[in-house]
């Protein structure tokens, strides 16, 4: 299973992209390899488009944009603001692979600053990656979009709290657990002061978001 993650923050917010990079490369996030995750902090439009193009050669992608979001009545689409006055349209980041999770978030307080729970101890990177990939293989092609105020931070806070609670009642020698992107959105929504938007395929199973093994 060829994966690729693209983390975009505009204006540059290295802390947000660093939090997501750490999560993805952690066993909890699926044990992504370092060369599978690309960070763009405060990029130009051309830099983003150049990074998006190679994603089409992968089976699955996670694309996270954290920055200003607005709706253009004239263009009838969502605009993603970049630090230098340029912007993307949301279609620039949609369907870049046959299977994709797209997170669109306006900036909020960094989760770590509020005491984001650490990942559970004792997770096996090889097993977490294997279960994550097996779950991905069972999913039909499609796009899941998660969006809303501080959606990026709320997703990480929710999933790590879930992991701590689930790990406490598990025997990793006998069991594993998967959390889907849809379930992760539900956890984030429970923490959100405003509604978060979710667009998902009609049929389950949904793409994995986190794994404990």
N, C-alpha and C. Protein backbone atom coordinates (compact mmCIF):
# COMPACT_ATOMS: atom_id res chain seq x y z
N UNK A 1 0.85 -1.19 0.00
CA UNK A 1 0.00 0.00 0.00
C UNK A 1 0.88 1.24 0.00
N UNK A 2 0.87 2.00 -1.08
CA UNK A 2 1.69 3.21 -1.18
C UNK A 2 0.92 4.39 -0.59
N UNK A 3 1.49 5.00 0.43
CA UNK A 3 0.85 6.12 1.12
C UNK A 3 1.62 7.41 0.92
N UNK A 4 0.92 8.52 1.04
CA UNK A 4 1.57 9.83 1.03
C UNK A 4 0.73 10.79 1.86
N UNK A 5 1.40 11.61 2.66
CA UNK A 5 0.72 12.63 3.44
C UNK A 5 1.32 13.98 3.11
N UNK A 6 0.45 14.98 2.96
CA UNK A 6 0.87 16.35 2.67
C UNK A 6 0.26 17.26 3.72
N UNK A 7 1.12 17.96 4.47
CA UNK A 7 0.68 18.82 5.56
C UNK A 7 1.00 20.26 5.19
N UNK A 8 -0.04 21.08 5.06
CA UNK A 8 0.11 22.46 4.59
C UNK A 8 -0.39 23.41 5.67
N UNK A 9 0.44 24.36 6.07
CA UNK A 9 0.00 25.39 7.00
C UNK A 9 0.26 26.76 6.39
N UNK A 10 -0.75 27.61 6.45
CA UNK A 10 -0.64 28.95 5.87
C UNK A 10 -1.52 29.92 6.65
N UNK A 11 -0.94 30.96 7.29
CA UNK A 11 0.50 31.24 7.28
C UNK A 11 1.29 30.15 8.01
N UNK A 12 2.58 30.18 7.86
CA UNK A 12 3.43 29.12 8.41
C UNK A 12 3.13 28.89 9.89
N UNK A 13 2.86 27.64 10.23
CA UNK A 13 2.60 27.24 11.61
C UNK A 13 3.31 25.91 11.85
N UNK A 14 4.63 25.96 12.01
CA UNK A 14 5.39 24.71 12.13
C UNK A 14 4.91 23.81 13.26
N UNK A 15 4.34 24.43 14.33
CA UNK A 15 3.88 23.60 15.44
C UNK A 15 2.74 22.67 15.01
N UNK A 16 1.79 23.21 14.23
CA UNK A 16 0.65 22.39 13.78
C UNK A 16 1.11 21.26 12.89
N UNK A 17 1.94 21.55 11.91
CA UNK A 17 2.40 20.50 11.02
C UNK A 17 3.30 19.51 11.75
N UNK A 18 4.06 20.00 12.74
CA UNK A 18 4.90 19.09 13.52
C UNK A 18 4.05 18.13 14.34
N UNK A 19 2.94 18.62 14.90
CA UNK A 19 2.04 17.75 15.66
C UNK A 19 1.48 16.64 14.77
N UNK A 20 1.06 17.01 13.55
CA UNK A 20 0.50 16.02 12.64
C UNK A 20 1.55 15.06 12.13
N UNK A 21 2.73 15.56 11.86
CA UNK A 21 3.81 14.69 11.42
C UNK A 21 4.14 13.66 12.49
N UNK A 22 4.23 14.13 13.74
CA UNK A 22 4.51 13.22 14.85
C UNK A 22 3.41 12.18 15.00
N UNK A 23 2.16 12.59 14.84
CA UNK A 23 1.05 11.65 14.95
C UNK A 23 1.10 10.59 13.86
N UNK A 24 1.29 11.00 12.62
CA UNK A 24 1.30 10.03 11.52
C UNK A 24 2.46 9.04 11.65
N UNK A 25 3.61 9.51 12.07
CA UNK A 25 4.77 8.62 12.16
C UNK A 25 4.77 7.79 13.43
N UNK A 26 3.89 8.13 14.36
CA UNK A 26 3.73 7.33 15.56
C UNK A 26 2.98 6.04 15.22
N UNK A 27 3.21 4.94 15.93
CA UNK A 27 2.41 3.72 15.68
C UNK A 27 0.91 3.99 15.74
N UNK A 28 0.47 4.86 16.66
CA UNK A 28 -0.95 5.17 16.80
C UNK A 28 -1.53 5.71 15.49
N UNK A 29 -0.78 6.52 14.77
CA UNK A 29 -1.26 7.11 13.53
C UNK A 29 -1.05 6.25 12.30
N UNK A 30 -0.53 5.04 12.49
CA UNK A 30 -0.32 4.13 11.36
C UNK A 30 1.13 3.91 10.99
N UNK A 31 2.05 4.48 11.79
CA UNK A 31 3.49 4.26 11.59
C UNK A 31 3.93 4.60 10.16
N UNK A 32 3.58 5.81 9.72
CA UNK A 32 4.02 6.27 8.40
C UNK A 32 5.54 6.46 8.42
N UNK A 33 6.17 6.16 7.31
CA UNK A 33 7.61 6.38 7.19
C UNK A 33 7.89 7.87 7.00
N UNK A 34 9.10 8.28 7.37
CA UNK A 34 9.45 9.70 7.28
C UNK A 34 9.33 10.21 5.85
N UNK A 35 9.69 9.39 4.87
CA UNK A 35 9.63 9.85 3.48
C UNK A 35 8.24 9.79 2.88
N UNK A 36 7.25 9.38 3.67
CA UNK A 36 5.86 9.39 3.22
C UNK A 36 5.12 10.65 3.64
N UNK A 37 5.76 11.49 4.45
CA UNK A 37 5.11 12.69 5.00
C UNK A 37 5.88 13.93 4.57
N UNK A 38 5.20 14.86 3.90
CA UNK A 38 5.81 16.10 3.45
C UNK A 38 5.13 17.27 4.13
N UNK A 39 5.93 18.15 4.73
CA UNK A 39 5.42 19.36 5.37
C UNK A 39 5.72 20.58 4.52
N UNK A 40 4.71 21.44 4.35
CA UNK A 40 4.89 22.72 3.68
C UNK A 40 4.37 23.81 4.62
N UNK A 41 5.27 24.55 5.20
CA UNK A 41 4.91 25.61 6.14
C UNK A 41 5.00 26.96 5.44
N UNK A 42 3.83 27.59 5.21
CA UNK A 42 3.80 28.88 4.54
C UNK A 42 4.21 28.81 3.07
N UNK A 43 3.70 27.84 2.31
CA UNK A 43 4.14 27.67 0.93
C UNK A 43 3.44 28.63 -0.03
N UNK A 44 3.99 28.72 -1.24
CA UNK A 44 3.32 29.40 -2.34
C UNK A 44 2.35 28.42 -3.00
N UNK A 45 1.49 28.95 -3.85
CA UNK A 45 0.55 28.09 -4.58
C UNK A 45 1.31 27.09 -5.46
N UNK A 46 2.34 27.54 -6.13
CA UNK A 46 3.10 26.66 -7.01
C UNK A 46 3.76 25.54 -6.22
N UNK A 47 4.28 25.85 -5.03
CA UNK A 47 4.90 24.82 -4.20
C UNK A 47 3.88 23.75 -3.81
N UNK A 48 2.66 24.17 -3.50
CA UNK A 48 1.63 23.19 -3.14
C UNK A 48 1.27 22.32 -4.34
N UNK A 49 1.04 22.94 -5.49
CA UNK A 49 0.66 22.18 -6.67
C UNK A 49 1.77 21.21 -7.10
N UNK A 50 3.01 21.64 -6.95
CA UNK A 50 4.14 20.75 -7.26
C UNK A 50 4.17 19.55 -6.32
N UNK A 51 3.76 19.77 -5.07
CA UNK A 51 3.75 18.67 -4.10
C UNK A 51 2.56 17.76 -4.30
N UNK A 52 1.45 18.31 -4.78
CA UNK A 52 0.23 17.52 -4.99
C UNK A 52 0.39 16.55 -6.16
N UNK A 53 1.06 16.97 -7.22
CA UNK A 53 1.12 16.16 -8.44
C UNK A 53 1.62 14.73 -8.20
N UNK A 54 2.72 14.51 -7.46
CA UNK A 54 3.21 13.13 -7.29
C UNK A 54 2.28 12.24 -6.47
N UNK A 55 1.31 12.83 -5.77
CA UNK A 55 0.42 12.01 -4.94
C UNK A 55 -0.40 11.05 -5.79
N UNK A 56 -0.65 11.38 -7.03
CA UNK A 56 -1.50 10.53 -7.87
C UNK A 56 -0.90 9.14 -8.10
N UNK A 57 0.38 8.99 -7.80
CA UNK A 57 1.03 7.70 -8.00
C UNK A 57 0.98 6.85 -6.74
N UNK A 58 0.19 7.27 -5.76
CA UNK A 58 0.05 6.53 -4.51
C UNK A 58 -1.37 5.96 -4.39
N UNK A 59 -1.52 4.99 -3.48
CA UNK A 59 -2.82 4.37 -3.28
C UNK A 59 -3.71 5.17 -2.34
N UNK A 60 -3.08 5.85 -1.37
CA UNK A 60 -3.86 6.55 -0.34
C UNK A 60 -3.11 7.80 0.08
N UNK A 61 -3.85 8.85 0.34
CA UNK A 61 -3.23 10.09 0.81
C UNK A 61 -4.02 10.70 1.96
N UNK A 62 -3.30 11.38 2.83
CA UNK A 62 -3.87 12.25 3.84
C UNK A 62 -3.35 13.65 3.54
N UNK A 63 -4.26 14.58 3.29
CA UNK A 63 -3.89 15.96 3.00
C UNK A 63 -4.52 16.84 4.08
N UNK A 64 -3.69 17.60 4.76
CA UNK A 64 -4.15 18.48 5.84
C UNK A 64 -3.80 19.92 5.46
N UNK A 65 -4.82 20.77 5.40
CA UNK A 65 -4.61 22.21 5.20
C UNK A 65 -5.10 22.94 6.43
N UNK A 66 -4.22 23.74 7.03
CA UNK A 66 -4.59 24.56 8.17
C UNK A 66 -4.30 26.02 7.83
N UNK A 67 -5.36 26.80 7.64
CA UNK A 67 -5.21 28.19 7.26
C UNK A 67 -6.57 28.82 7.03
N UNK A 68 -6.61 30.03 6.48
CA UNK A 68 -7.88 30.73 6.26
C UNK A 68 -8.73 30.02 5.20
N UNK A 69 -10.01 29.87 5.49
CA UNK A 69 -10.96 29.28 4.55
C UNK A 69 -12.08 30.28 4.31
N UNK A 70 -12.48 30.43 3.04
CA UNK A 70 -13.58 31.33 2.72
C UNK A 70 -14.32 30.77 1.51
N UNK A 71 -15.57 31.20 1.36
CA UNK A 71 -16.36 30.73 0.23
C UNK A 71 -16.50 31.85 -0.80
N UNK A 72 -16.20 31.55 -2.05
CA UNK A 72 -16.32 32.52 -3.13
C UNK A 72 -17.66 32.33 -3.83
N UNK A 73 -18.53 33.32 -3.71
CA UNK A 73 -19.81 33.26 -4.41
C UNK A 73 -19.61 33.31 -5.93
N UNK A 74 -18.60 34.04 -6.34
CA UNK A 74 -18.35 34.18 -7.77
C UNK A 74 -17.86 32.86 -8.38
N UNK A 75 -16.94 32.19 -7.68
CA UNK A 75 -16.39 30.94 -8.20
C UNK A 75 -17.18 29.72 -7.74
N UNK A 76 -18.08 29.92 -6.76
CA UNK A 76 -18.87 28.82 -6.21
C UNK A 76 -17.99 27.70 -5.66
N UNK A 77 -16.98 28.09 -4.90
CA UNK A 77 -16.09 27.10 -4.34
C UNK A 77 -15.43 27.66 -3.09
N UNK A 78 -14.82 26.78 -2.31
CA UNK A 78 -14.08 27.19 -1.11
C UNK A 78 -12.67 27.57 -1.49
N UNK A 79 -12.23 28.72 -0.98
CA UNK A 79 -10.88 29.21 -1.20
C UNK A 79 -10.02 28.94 0.02
N UNK A 80 -8.79 28.53 -0.21
CA UNK A 80 -7.83 28.25 0.86
C UNK A 80 -6.73 29.29 0.77
N UNK A 81 -6.67 30.15 1.78
CA UNK A 81 -5.73 31.26 1.74
C UNK A 81 -4.31 30.85 2.06
N UNK A 82 -3.37 31.42 1.32
CA UNK A 82 -1.96 31.21 1.56
C UNK A 82 -1.35 32.49 2.12
N UNK A 83 -0.17 32.37 2.70
CA UNK A 83 0.40 33.48 3.45
C UNK A 83 0.74 34.68 2.58
N UNK A 84 1.06 34.47 1.31
CA UNK A 84 1.52 35.55 0.45
C UNK A 84 0.41 36.18 -0.38
N UNK A 85 -0.83 35.98 0.01
CA UNK A 85 -1.96 36.56 -0.70
C UNK A 85 -2.51 35.69 -1.81
N UNK A 86 -1.83 34.61 -2.12
CA UNK A 86 -2.35 33.66 -3.10
C UNK A 86 -3.40 32.78 -2.44
N UNK A 87 -4.09 31.98 -3.24
CA UNK A 87 -5.03 31.03 -2.66
C UNK A 87 -5.13 29.81 -3.55
N UNK A 88 -5.57 28.74 -2.94
CA UNK A 88 -5.93 27.52 -3.64
C UNK A 88 -7.44 27.44 -3.70
N UNK A 89 -7.96 26.64 -4.61
CA UNK A 89 -9.37 26.25 -4.55
C UNK A 89 -9.40 24.83 -4.01
N UNK A 90 -10.48 24.49 -3.35
CA UNK A 90 -10.51 23.21 -2.66
C UNK A 90 -10.31 22.04 -3.62
N UNK A 91 -10.72 22.20 -4.88
CA UNK A 91 -10.53 21.11 -5.85
C UNK A 91 -9.07 20.82 -6.12
N UNK A 92 -8.17 21.77 -5.79
CA UNK A 92 -6.73 21.51 -5.96
C UNK A 92 -6.26 20.37 -5.06
N UNK A 93 -6.98 20.15 -3.96
CA UNK A 93 -6.56 19.14 -2.99
C UNK A 93 -7.48 17.93 -2.94
N UNK A 94 -8.54 17.94 -3.71
CA UNK A 94 -9.49 16.83 -3.69
C UNK A 94 -9.13 15.76 -4.71
N UNK A 95 -9.39 14.50 -4.31
CA UNK A 95 -9.25 13.37 -5.23
C UNK A 95 -7.86 13.31 -5.87
N UNK A 96 -6.84 13.61 -5.08
CA UNK A 96 -5.48 13.52 -5.59
C UNK A 96 -5.00 12.08 -5.65
N UNK A 97 -5.65 11.20 -4.89
CA UNK A 97 -5.45 9.76 -5.00
C UNK A 97 -6.83 9.11 -5.01
N UNK A 98 -6.90 7.84 -5.37
CA UNK A 98 -8.19 7.16 -5.42
C UNK A 98 -8.82 7.05 -4.04
N UNK A 99 -7.99 6.97 -3.03
CA UNK A 99 -8.45 6.95 -1.65
C UNK A 99 -7.78 8.12 -0.94
N UNK A 100 -8.60 9.00 -0.33
CA UNK A 100 -8.02 10.21 0.26
C UNK A 100 -8.82 10.67 1.47
N UNK A 101 -8.09 11.10 2.48
CA UNK A 101 -8.67 11.84 3.60
C UNK A 101 -8.16 13.27 3.51
N UNK A 102 -9.09 14.23 3.46
CA UNK A 102 -8.75 15.65 3.35
C UNK A 102 -9.25 16.38 4.59
N UNK A 103 -8.35 17.06 5.28
CA UNK A 103 -8.68 17.83 6.48
C UNK A 103 -8.48 19.30 6.16
N UNK A 104 -9.54 20.09 6.34
CA UNK A 104 -9.49 21.54 6.11
C UNK A 104 -9.82 22.24 7.42
N UNK A 105 -8.88 22.97 7.95
CA UNK A 105 -9.08 23.55 9.29
C UNK A 105 -8.61 24.98 9.35
N UNK A 106 -9.37 25.83 10.01
CA UNK A 106 -8.87 27.14 10.37
C UNK A 106 -8.00 26.98 11.62
N UNK A 107 -6.99 27.82 11.78
CA UNK A 107 -6.07 27.64 12.90
C UNK A 107 -6.76 27.82 14.25
N UNK A 108 -6.25 27.10 15.23
CA UNK A 108 -6.72 27.23 16.60
C UNK A 108 -5.56 27.03 17.55
N UNK A 109 -5.82 26.98 18.86
CA UNK A 109 -4.73 26.76 19.81
C UNK A 109 -4.05 25.43 19.54
N UNK A 110 -2.75 25.42 19.67
CA UNK A 110 -2.01 24.18 19.46
C UNK A 110 -2.43 23.16 20.51
N UNK A 111 -2.82 21.92 20.09
CA UNK A 111 -3.28 20.94 21.07
C UNK A 111 -2.25 20.65 22.14
N UNK A 112 -0.97 20.60 21.76
CA UNK A 112 0.06 20.27 22.73
C UNK A 112 0.15 21.28 23.86
N UNK A 113 -0.17 22.52 23.54
CA UNK A 113 -0.09 23.56 24.56
C UNK A 113 -1.13 23.36 25.64
N UNK A 114 -2.19 22.63 25.31
CA UNK A 114 -3.26 22.39 26.28
C UNK A 114 -3.11 21.03 26.96
N UNK A 115 -1.98 20.37 26.74
CA UNK A 115 -1.75 19.10 27.39
C UNK A 115 -2.31 17.92 26.63
N UNK A 116 -2.02 17.84 25.34
CA UNK A 116 -2.47 16.72 24.52
C UNK A 116 -1.95 15.41 25.09
N UNK A 117 -2.83 14.42 25.33
CA UNK A 117 -2.36 13.16 25.89
C UNK A 117 -1.34 12.51 24.98
N UNK A 118 -0.34 11.89 25.58
CA UNK A 118 0.66 11.17 24.79
C UNK A 118 0.05 9.89 24.21
N UNK A 119 0.70 9.36 23.19
CA UNK A 119 0.26 8.08 22.66
C UNK A 119 0.49 6.99 23.70
N UNK A 120 -0.34 5.95 23.71
CA UNK A 120 -0.15 4.88 24.68
C UNK A 120 1.21 4.20 24.51
N UNK A 121 1.75 3.73 25.61
CA UNK A 121 3.03 3.04 25.56
C UNK A 121 2.83 1.61 25.07
N UNK A 122 3.88 1.05 24.50
CA UNK A 122 3.88 -0.36 24.17
C UNK A 122 3.31 -0.72 22.82
N UNK A 123 2.98 0.27 21.97
CA UNK A 123 2.44 -0.05 20.65
C UNK A 123 3.56 -0.53 19.73
N UNK A 124 3.26 -1.51 18.90
CA UNK A 124 4.25 -2.04 17.98
C UNK A 124 4.09 -1.41 16.61
N UNK A 125 5.13 -0.73 16.14
CA UNK A 125 5.04 -0.01 14.87
C UNK A 125 4.72 -0.94 13.71
N UNK A 126 5.37 -2.09 13.65
CA UNK A 126 5.16 -3.01 12.52
C UNK A 126 3.73 -3.52 12.50
N UNK A 127 3.20 -3.91 13.66
CA UNK A 127 1.83 -4.41 13.71
C UNK A 127 0.83 -3.30 13.39
N UNK A 128 1.06 -2.10 13.93
CA UNK A 128 0.14 -0.99 13.67
C UNK A 128 0.11 -0.66 12.18
N UNK A 129 1.26 -0.65 11.55
CA UNK A 129 1.30 -0.36 10.12
C UNK A 129 0.59 -1.46 9.32
N UNK A 130 0.81 -2.70 9.71
CA UNK A 130 0.19 -3.81 8.99
C UNK A 130 -1.33 -3.76 9.09
N UNK A 131 -1.87 -3.56 10.28
CA UNK A 131 -3.33 -3.49 10.44
C UNK A 131 -3.91 -2.27 9.72
N UNK A 132 -3.19 -1.18 9.75
CA UNK A 132 -3.62 0.05 9.06
C UNK A 132 -3.72 -0.22 7.56
N UNK A 133 -2.68 -0.83 7.00
CA UNK A 133 -2.68 -1.12 5.57
C UNK A 133 -3.75 -2.14 5.18
N UNK A 134 -3.95 -3.15 6.02
CA UNK A 134 -4.99 -4.13 5.74
C UNK A 134 -6.37 -3.49 5.74
N UNK A 135 -6.58 -2.57 6.66
CA UNK A 135 -7.86 -1.86 6.71
C UNK A 135 -8.04 -0.99 5.46
N UNK A 136 -6.99 -0.30 5.05
CA UNK A 136 -7.06 0.51 3.84
C UNK A 136 -7.40 -0.33 2.61
N UNK A 137 -6.81 -1.51 2.54
CA UNK A 137 -7.03 -2.36 1.38
C UNK A 137 -8.49 -2.79 1.27
N UNK A 138 -9.19 -2.87 2.39
CA UNK A 138 -10.59 -3.29 2.38
C UNK A 138 -11.54 -2.16 1.99
N UNK A 139 -11.04 -0.92 1.98
CA UNK A 139 -11.90 0.24 1.70
C UNK A 139 -12.02 0.48 0.19
N UNK A 140 -13.20 0.88 -0.22
CA UNK A 140 -13.42 1.25 -1.61
C UNK A 140 -12.79 2.62 -1.87
N UNK A 141 -12.44 2.92 -3.14
CA UNK A 141 -11.96 4.26 -3.46
C UNK A 141 -12.98 5.33 -3.06
N UNK A 142 -12.49 6.48 -2.66
CA UNK A 142 -13.40 7.55 -2.26
C UNK A 142 -12.65 8.66 -1.56
N UNK A 143 -13.39 9.68 -1.19
CA UNK A 143 -12.85 10.86 -0.52
C UNK A 143 -13.63 11.12 0.76
N UNK A 144 -12.90 11.27 1.85
CA UNK A 144 -13.49 11.72 3.11
C UNK A 144 -12.94 13.12 3.39
N UNK A 145 -13.83 14.08 3.62
CA UNK A 145 -13.41 15.44 3.93
C UNK A 145 -13.90 15.83 5.32
N UNK A 146 -12.98 16.28 6.14
CA UNK A 146 -13.28 16.75 7.48
C UNK A 146 -12.91 18.23 7.53
N UNK A 147 -13.83 19.07 7.98
CA UNK A 147 -13.52 20.50 7.96
C UNK A 147 -14.23 21.22 9.10
N UNK A 148 -13.65 22.35 9.50
CA UNK A 148 -14.25 23.17 10.54
C UNK A 148 -13.19 23.89 11.35
N UNK A 149 -13.62 24.78 12.26
CA UNK A 149 -12.69 25.53 13.09
C UNK A 149 -11.81 24.60 13.94
N UNK A 150 -10.52 24.77 13.81
CA UNK A 150 -9.54 23.99 14.58
C UNK A 150 -9.75 22.48 14.44
N UNK A 151 -10.28 22.06 13.30
CA UNK A 151 -10.55 20.64 13.08
C UNK A 151 -9.27 19.80 13.23
N UNK A 152 -8.15 20.33 12.75
CA UNK A 152 -6.90 19.57 12.79
C UNK A 152 -6.48 19.26 14.23
N UNK A 153 -6.55 20.26 15.09
CA UNK A 153 -6.17 20.05 16.47
C UNK A 153 -7.16 19.19 17.24
N UNK A 154 -8.44 19.37 16.99
CA UNK A 154 -9.48 18.60 17.67
C UNK A 154 -9.40 17.12 17.31
N UNK A 155 -9.07 16.80 16.08
CA UNK A 155 -8.92 15.41 15.68
C UNK A 155 -7.81 14.72 16.47
N UNK A 156 -6.67 15.40 16.60
CA UNK A 156 -5.55 14.80 17.32
C UNK A 156 -5.87 14.64 18.81
N UNK A 157 -6.49 15.64 19.40
CA UNK A 157 -6.83 15.56 20.82
C UNK A 157 -7.82 14.44 21.08
N UNK A 158 -8.83 14.31 20.21
CA UNK A 158 -9.83 13.28 20.41
C UNK A 158 -9.28 11.88 20.26
N UNK A 159 -8.44 11.67 19.25
CA UNK A 159 -7.96 10.32 18.99
C UNK A 159 -6.98 9.86 20.06
N UNK A 160 -6.19 10.77 20.57
CA UNK A 160 -5.23 10.34 21.60
C UNK A 160 -5.92 10.07 22.93
N UNK A 161 -6.97 10.81 23.24
CA UNK A 161 -7.75 10.50 24.43
C UNK A 161 -8.43 9.14 24.28
N UNK A 162 -8.96 8.88 23.08
CA UNK A 162 -9.55 7.55 22.80
C UNK A 162 -8.52 6.45 23.00
N UNK A 163 -7.33 6.67 22.49
CA UNK A 163 -6.28 5.65 22.57
C UNK A 163 -5.89 5.34 24.00
N UNK A 164 -5.79 6.36 24.83
CA UNK A 164 -5.43 6.13 26.23
C UNK A 164 -6.48 5.29 26.92
N UNK A 165 -7.75 5.59 26.67
CA UNK A 165 -8.83 4.84 27.31
C UNK A 165 -8.90 3.41 26.78
N UNK A 166 -8.76 3.24 25.48
CA UNK A 166 -8.84 1.91 24.89
C UNK A 166 -7.66 1.04 25.32
N UNK A 167 -6.47 1.63 25.35
CA UNK A 167 -5.27 0.87 25.70
C UNK A 167 -5.36 0.33 27.12
N UNK A 168 -6.01 1.07 28.01
CA UNK A 168 -6.08 0.66 29.41
C UNK A 168 -6.85 -0.65 29.60
N UNK A 169 -7.72 -0.99 28.66
CA UNK A 169 -8.52 -2.20 28.80
C UNK A 169 -8.15 -3.29 27.80
N UNK A 170 -7.00 -3.14 27.14
CA UNK A 170 -6.62 -4.09 26.11
C UNK A 170 -5.40 -4.91 26.51
N UNK A 171 -5.34 -6.13 25.96
CA UNK A 171 -4.14 -6.95 26.01
C UNK A 171 -3.60 -6.98 24.59
N UNK A 172 -2.50 -6.24 24.37
CA UNK A 172 -1.97 -6.10 23.01
C UNK A 172 -1.48 -7.42 22.43
N UNK A 173 -1.24 -8.41 23.28
CA UNK A 173 -0.81 -9.70 22.78
C UNK A 173 -1.96 -10.46 22.13
N UNK A 174 -3.19 -10.04 22.40
CA UNK A 174 -4.36 -10.76 21.91
C UNK A 174 -5.30 -9.92 21.04
N UNK A 175 -5.13 -8.61 21.07
CA UNK A 175 -6.17 -7.77 20.47
C UNK A 175 -5.56 -6.54 19.82
N UNK A 176 -6.31 -5.95 18.90
CA UNK A 176 -5.96 -4.66 18.34
C UNK A 176 -7.24 -3.89 18.09
N UNK A 177 -7.12 -2.57 17.94
CA UNK A 177 -8.29 -1.74 17.67
C UNK A 177 -7.96 -0.75 16.57
N UNK A 178 -8.97 -0.48 15.74
CA UNK A 178 -8.87 0.53 14.70
C UNK A 178 -9.92 1.60 14.93
N UNK A 179 -9.56 2.84 14.65
CA UNK A 179 -10.50 3.96 14.70
C UNK A 179 -10.58 4.53 13.29
N UNK A 180 -11.78 4.63 12.74
CA UNK A 180 -11.93 5.14 11.38
C UNK A 180 -11.92 6.67 11.37
N UNK A 181 -11.78 7.24 10.18
CA UNK A 181 -11.81 8.70 10.07
C UNK A 181 -13.17 9.25 10.49
N UNK A 182 -14.23 8.51 10.25
CA UNK A 182 -15.57 8.96 10.63
C UNK A 182 -15.71 8.94 12.16
N UNK A 183 -15.20 7.90 12.79
CA UNK A 183 -15.24 7.85 14.26
C UNK A 183 -14.35 8.94 14.86
N UNK A 184 -13.22 9.24 14.22
CA UNK A 184 -12.35 10.31 14.71
C UNK A 184 -13.06 11.66 14.62
N UNK A 185 -13.84 11.86 13.56
CA UNK A 185 -14.59 13.10 13.44
C UNK A 185 -15.62 13.23 14.55
N UNK A 186 -16.26 12.13 14.90
CA UNK A 186 -17.25 12.15 15.98
C UNK A 186 -16.60 12.54 17.31
N UNK A 187 -15.39 12.02 17.55
CA UNK A 187 -14.67 12.38 18.77
C UNK A 187 -14.29 13.86 18.76
N UNK A 188 -13.85 14.35 17.61
CA UNK A 188 -13.50 15.76 17.49
C UNK A 188 -14.73 16.65 17.70
N UNK A 189 -15.85 16.23 17.12
CA UNK A 189 -17.08 17.02 17.25
C UNK A 189 -17.50 17.16 18.71
N UNK A 190 -17.29 16.12 19.49
CA UNK A 190 -17.66 16.18 20.90
C UNK A 190 -16.86 17.23 21.65
N UNK A 191 -15.69 17.61 21.13
CA UNK A 191 -14.84 18.61 21.77
C UNK A 191 -15.01 20.00 21.15
N UNK A 192 -15.73 20.08 20.04
CA UNK A 192 -15.77 21.32 19.26
C UNK A 192 -16.85 22.27 19.76
N UNK A 193 -16.57 23.57 19.81
CA UNK A 193 -17.59 24.54 20.19
C UNK A 193 -18.54 24.86 19.04
N UNK A 194 -18.18 24.47 17.82
CA UNK A 194 -19.02 24.71 16.65
C UNK A 194 -19.08 23.44 15.82
N UNK A 195 -20.02 23.38 14.89
CA UNK A 195 -20.21 22.19 14.08
C UNK A 195 -19.03 21.97 13.15
N UNK A 196 -18.62 20.72 13.04
CA UNK A 196 -17.60 20.32 12.07
C UNK A 196 -18.31 19.61 10.92
N UNK A 197 -17.80 19.79 9.73
CA UNK A 197 -18.43 19.19 8.54
C UNK A 197 -17.73 17.89 8.18
N UNK A 198 -18.53 16.95 7.72
CA UNK A 198 -18.01 15.64 7.30
C UNK A 198 -18.67 15.25 5.99
N UNK A 199 -17.85 14.93 5.00
CA UNK A 199 -18.34 14.37 3.74
C UNK A 199 -17.66 13.01 3.59
N UNK A 200 -18.46 11.98 3.40
CA UNK A 200 -17.90 10.62 3.38
C UNK A 200 -18.58 9.79 2.30
N UNK A 201 -17.95 8.69 1.89
CA UNK A 201 -18.60 7.77 0.95
C UNK A 201 -19.84 7.14 1.58
N UNK A 202 -20.70 6.62 0.75
CA UNK A 202 -21.92 6.00 1.26
C UNK A 202 -21.65 4.72 2.04
N UNK A 203 -20.68 3.96 1.59
CA UNK A 203 -20.51 2.61 2.12
C UNK A 203 -19.30 2.49 3.04
N UNK A 204 -19.46 1.71 4.08
CA UNK A 204 -18.35 1.32 4.93
C UNK A 204 -17.63 0.14 4.28
N UNK A 205 -16.41 -0.18 4.75
CA UNK A 205 -15.66 0.45 5.84
C UNK A 205 -15.03 1.76 5.40
N UNK A 206 -14.80 2.64 6.39
CA UNK A 206 -14.17 3.91 6.13
C UNK A 206 -12.67 3.80 6.40
N UNK A 207 -11.93 4.74 5.86
CA UNK A 207 -10.47 4.70 5.99
C UNK A 207 -10.07 4.72 7.47
N UNK A 208 -8.98 4.04 7.81
CA UNK A 208 -8.50 4.09 9.19
C UNK A 208 -7.88 5.43 9.51
N UNK A 209 -7.98 5.81 10.78
CA UNK A 209 -7.35 7.05 11.23
C UNK A 209 -6.28 6.75 12.28
N UNK A 210 -6.58 5.78 13.14
CA UNK A 210 -5.64 5.42 14.20
C UNK A 210 -5.76 3.94 14.48
N UNK A 211 -4.70 3.37 15.06
CA UNK A 211 -4.66 1.94 15.33
C UNK A 211 -3.89 1.70 16.63
N UNK A 212 -4.35 0.75 17.40
CA UNK A 212 -3.67 0.30 18.61
C UNK A 212 -3.36 -1.17 18.44
N UNK A 213 -2.09 -1.52 18.45
CA UNK A 213 -1.70 -2.94 18.29
C UNK A 213 -0.31 -3.15 18.91
